[in-house]
C-alpha atoms as a PDB file:
ATOM      1  CA  MET A   1      89.454  94.480  95.255  1.00  0.00           C
ATOM      2  CA  HIS A   2      92.245  92.407  96.808  1.00  0.00           C
ATOM      3  CA  VAL A   3      95.735  93.808  97.329  1.00  0.00           C
ATOM      4  CA  ALA A   4      98.788  92.485  99.139  1.00  0.00           C
ATOM      5  CA  ASP A   5      99.900  95.893 100.413  1.00  0.00           C
ATOM      6  CA  LEU A   6      97.989  99.084 101.194  1.00  0.00           C
ATOM      7  CA  ASP A   7     100.485 101.046  99.088  1.00  0.00           C
ATOM      8  CA  GLU A   8      98.997  99.279  96.046  1.00  0.00           C
ATOM      9  CA  VAL A   9      95.547 100.824  96.556  1.00  0.00           C
ATOM     10  CA  THR A  10      94.841 103.379  93.830  1.00  0.00           C
ATOM     11  CA  TYR A  11      91.776 104.417  91.860  1.00  0.00           C
ATOM     12  CA  ASP A  12      93.529 104.494  88.488  1.00  0.00           C
ATOM     13  CA  LEU A  13      91.644 102.821  85.653  1.00  0.00           C
ATOM     14  CA  GLU A  14      92.736 102.171  82.086  1.00  0.00           C
ATOM     15  CA  VAL A  15      90.396 101.191  79.274  1.00  0.00           C
ATOM     16  CA  ASP A  16      92.023  99.972  76.062  1.00  0.00           C
ATOM     17  CA  GLY A  17      95.335 101.513  77.165  1.00  0.00           C
ATOM     18  CA  ASP A  18      93.791 104.943  77.873  1.00  0.00           C
ATOM     19  CA  LEU A  19      93.826 106.289  81.442  1.00  0.00           C
ATOM     20  CA  VAL A  20      90.179 107.174  82.161  1.00  0.00           C
ATOM     21  CA  ARG A  21      90.403 107.586  85.940  1.00  0.00           C
ATOM     22  CA  ARG A  22      93.442 108.840  87.830  1.00  0.00           C
ATOM     23  CA  THR A  23      94.325 109.082  91.497  1.00  0.00           C
ATOM     24  CA  LEU A  24      95.250 112.600  92.617  1.00  0.00           C
ATOM     25  CA  HIS A  25      95.855 112.037  96.343  1.00  0.00           C
ATOM     26  CA  ARG A  26      95.761 109.074  98.703  1.00  0.00           C
ATOM     27  CA  ARG A  27      95.833 108.684 102.484  1.00  0.00           C
ATOM     28  CA  VAL A  28      95.762 105.434 104.447  1.00  0.00           C
ATOM     29  CA  PHE A  29      94.410 105.123 107.977  1.00  0.00           C
ATOM     30  CA  GLU A  30      95.301 101.694 109.384  1.00  0.00           C
ATOM     31  CA  ARG A  31      94.391 100.175 112.710  1.00  0.00           C
ATOM     32  CA  GLY A  32      94.938  96.463 113.242  1.00  0.00           C
ATOM     33  CA  ALA A  33      93.172  94.259 110.724  1.00  0.00           C
ATOM     34  CA  TRP A  34      91.161  97.173 109.272  1.00  0.00           C
ATOM     35  CA  ALA A  35      92.170 100.082 107.080  1.00  0.00           C
ATOM     36  CA  THR A  36      90.424 103.041 105.509  1.00  0.00           C
ATOM     37  CA  VAL A  37      91.872 104.526 102.341  1.00  0.00           C
ATOM     38  CA  VAL A  38      90.794 107.996 101.222  1.00  0.00           C
ATOM     39  CA  LEU A  39      91.404 108.763  97.550  1.00  0.00           C
ATOM     40  CA  ALA A  40      90.871 111.946  95.571  1.00  0.00           C
ATOM     41  CA  PHE A  41      90.436 111.120  91.902  1.00  0.00           C
ATOM     42  CA  GLU A  42      89.319 112.444  88.525  1.00  0.00           C
ATOM     43  CA  GLU A  43      87.472 110.752  85.679  1.00  0.00           C
ATOM     44  CA  LYS A  44      87.929 111.558  82.000  1.00  0.00           C
ATOM     45  CA  ARG A  45      85.041 112.785  79.879  1.00  0.00           C
ATOM     46  CA  PRO A  46      84.508 111.310  76.398  1.00  0.00           C
ATOM     47  CA  ASP A  47      86.040 114.492  74.909  1.00  0.00           C
ATOM     48  CA  GLY A  48      89.302 113.829  76.811  1.00  0.00           C
ATOM     49  CA  THR A  49      88.962 116.563  79.465  1.00  0.00           C
ATOM     50  CA  TRP A  50      88.905 115.715  83.158  1.00  0.00           C
ATOM     51  CA  LYS A  51      85.759 116.031  85.275  1.00  0.00           C
ATOM     52  CA  PRO A  52      85.882 117.744  88.699  1.00  0.00           C
ATOM     53  CA  ALA A  53      87.569 115.666  91.397  1.00  0.00           C
ATOM     54  CA  LYS A  54      85.688 113.249  93.633  1.00  0.00           C
ATOM     55  CA  LEU A  55      86.529 111.572  96.918  1.00  0.00           C
ATOM     56  CA  ALA A  56      86.395 107.814  97.520  1.00  0.00           C
ATOM     57  CA  LEU A  57      86.427 106.217 100.961  1.00  0.00           C
ATOM     58  CA  VAL A  58      87.366 102.533 100.845  1.00  0.00           C
ATOM     59  CA  ARG A  59      87.244 100.255 103.882  1.00  0.00           C
ATOM     60  CA  LEU A  60      89.508  97.188 103.760  1.00  0.00           C
ATOM     61  CA  GLN A  61      89.918  94.159 106.009  1.00  0.00           C
ATOM     62  CA  LYS A  62      93.084  92.077 106.282  1.00  0.00           C
ATOM     63  CA  VAL A  63      92.268  88.490 105.323  1.00  0.00           C
ATOM     64  CA  HIS A  64      94.993  85.825 104.936  1.00  0.00           C
ATOM     65  CA  ASP A  65      97.857  88.299 104.406  1.00  0.00           C
ATOM     66  CA  ALA A  66      95.931  90.388 101.856  1.00  0.00           C
ATOM     67  CA  TRP A  67      93.575  93.354 102.030  1.00  0.00           C
ATOM     68  CA  LYS A  68      89.995  92.761 100.878  1.00  0.00           C
ATOM     69  CA  LYS A  69      87.521  95.557 100.144  1.00  0.00           C
ATOM     70  CA  ALA A  70      84.710  95.483 102.705  1.00  0.00           C
ATOM     71  CA  ALA A  71      82.891  98.714 101.813  1.00  0.00           C
ATOM     72  CA  GLY A  72      83.251 101.915  99.875  1.00  0.00           C
ATOM     73  CA  MET A  73      81.562 105.152  98.985  1.00  0.00           C
ATOM     74  CA  THR A  74      82.184 108.047  96.622  1.00  0.00           C
ATOM     75  CA  LEU A  75      81.447 111.709  97.286  1.00  0.00           C
ATOM     76  CA  PRO A  76      81.277 114.390  94.603  1.00  0.00           C
ATOM     77  CA  GLY A  77      83.860 117.128  95.125  1.00  0.00           C
ATOM     78  CA  HIS A  78      81.381 119.656  96.529  1.00  0.00           C
ATOM     79  CA  ASP A  79      80.119 117.138  99.112  1.00  0.00           C
ATOM     80  CA  ALA A  80      83.697 116.201 100.066  1.00  0.00           C
ATOM     81  CA  ALA A  81      84.549 119.883 100.554  1.00  0.00           C
ATOM     82  CA  GLU A  82      81.432 120.350 102.711  1.00  0.00           C
ATOM     83  CA  LEU A  83      82.419 117.311 104.791  1.00  0.00           C
ATOM     84  CA  ALA A  84      85.878 118.824 105.369  1.00  0.00           C
ATOM     85  CA  ARG A  85      84.329 122.149 106.428  1.00  0.00           C
ATOM     86  CA  THR A  86      81.955 120.368 108.807  1.00  0.00           C
ATOM     87  CA  ILE A  87      84.697 118.350 110.495  1.00  0.00           C
ATOM     88  CA  THR A  88      86.828 121.465 110.843  1.00  0.00           C
ATOM     89  CA  ALA A  89      83.903 123.363 112.386  1.00  0.00           C
ATOM     90  CA  TRP A  90      83.408 120.608 114.950  1.00  0.00           C
ATOM     91  CA  GLY A  91      86.944 121.176 116.253  1.00  0.00           C
ATOM     92  CA  LEU A  92      89.844 118.872 115.512  1.00  0.00           C
ATOM     93  CA  ASP A  93      91.026 118.779 119.131  1.00  0.00           C
ATOM     94  CA  ASP A  94      87.711 117.257 120.252  1.00  0.00           C
ATOM     95  CA  LEU A  95      87.925 114.606 117.527  1.00  0.00           C
ATOM     96  CA  ALA A  96      91.541 113.740 118.345  1.00  0.00           C
ATOM     97  CA  ASP A  97      90.625 113.166 121.990  1.00  0.00           C
ATOM     98  CA  ALA A  98      87.673 110.927 121.042  1.00  0.00           C
ATOM     99  CA  SER A  99      89.814 108.637 118.852  1.00  0.00           C
ATOM    100  CA  ASP A 100      91.560 107.144 121.892  1.00  0.00           C
ATOM    101  CA  GLU A 101      88.346 105.511 123.164  1.00  0.00           C
END
């Protein structure tokens, strides 16, 4: 994945003109030459219905005026929800203070 602008990062995918994966939500965290994009997305089943949402974390590095994918991972919806509950339980104020280091 190479993109010129972080606003271009989506998880949409078309196969033979049919949208088979669609981005539901997107959030970009950028710091210097590195960015992390969090995407909530759905994939279409063969019968045309949408599967439960998943979460993708994509790490990008700025190389020669473009963003290049460096790493990525996908979490099923139930794991993503558990991750959110865990971070919330840890206390957001503590995490906000640690980000300045």
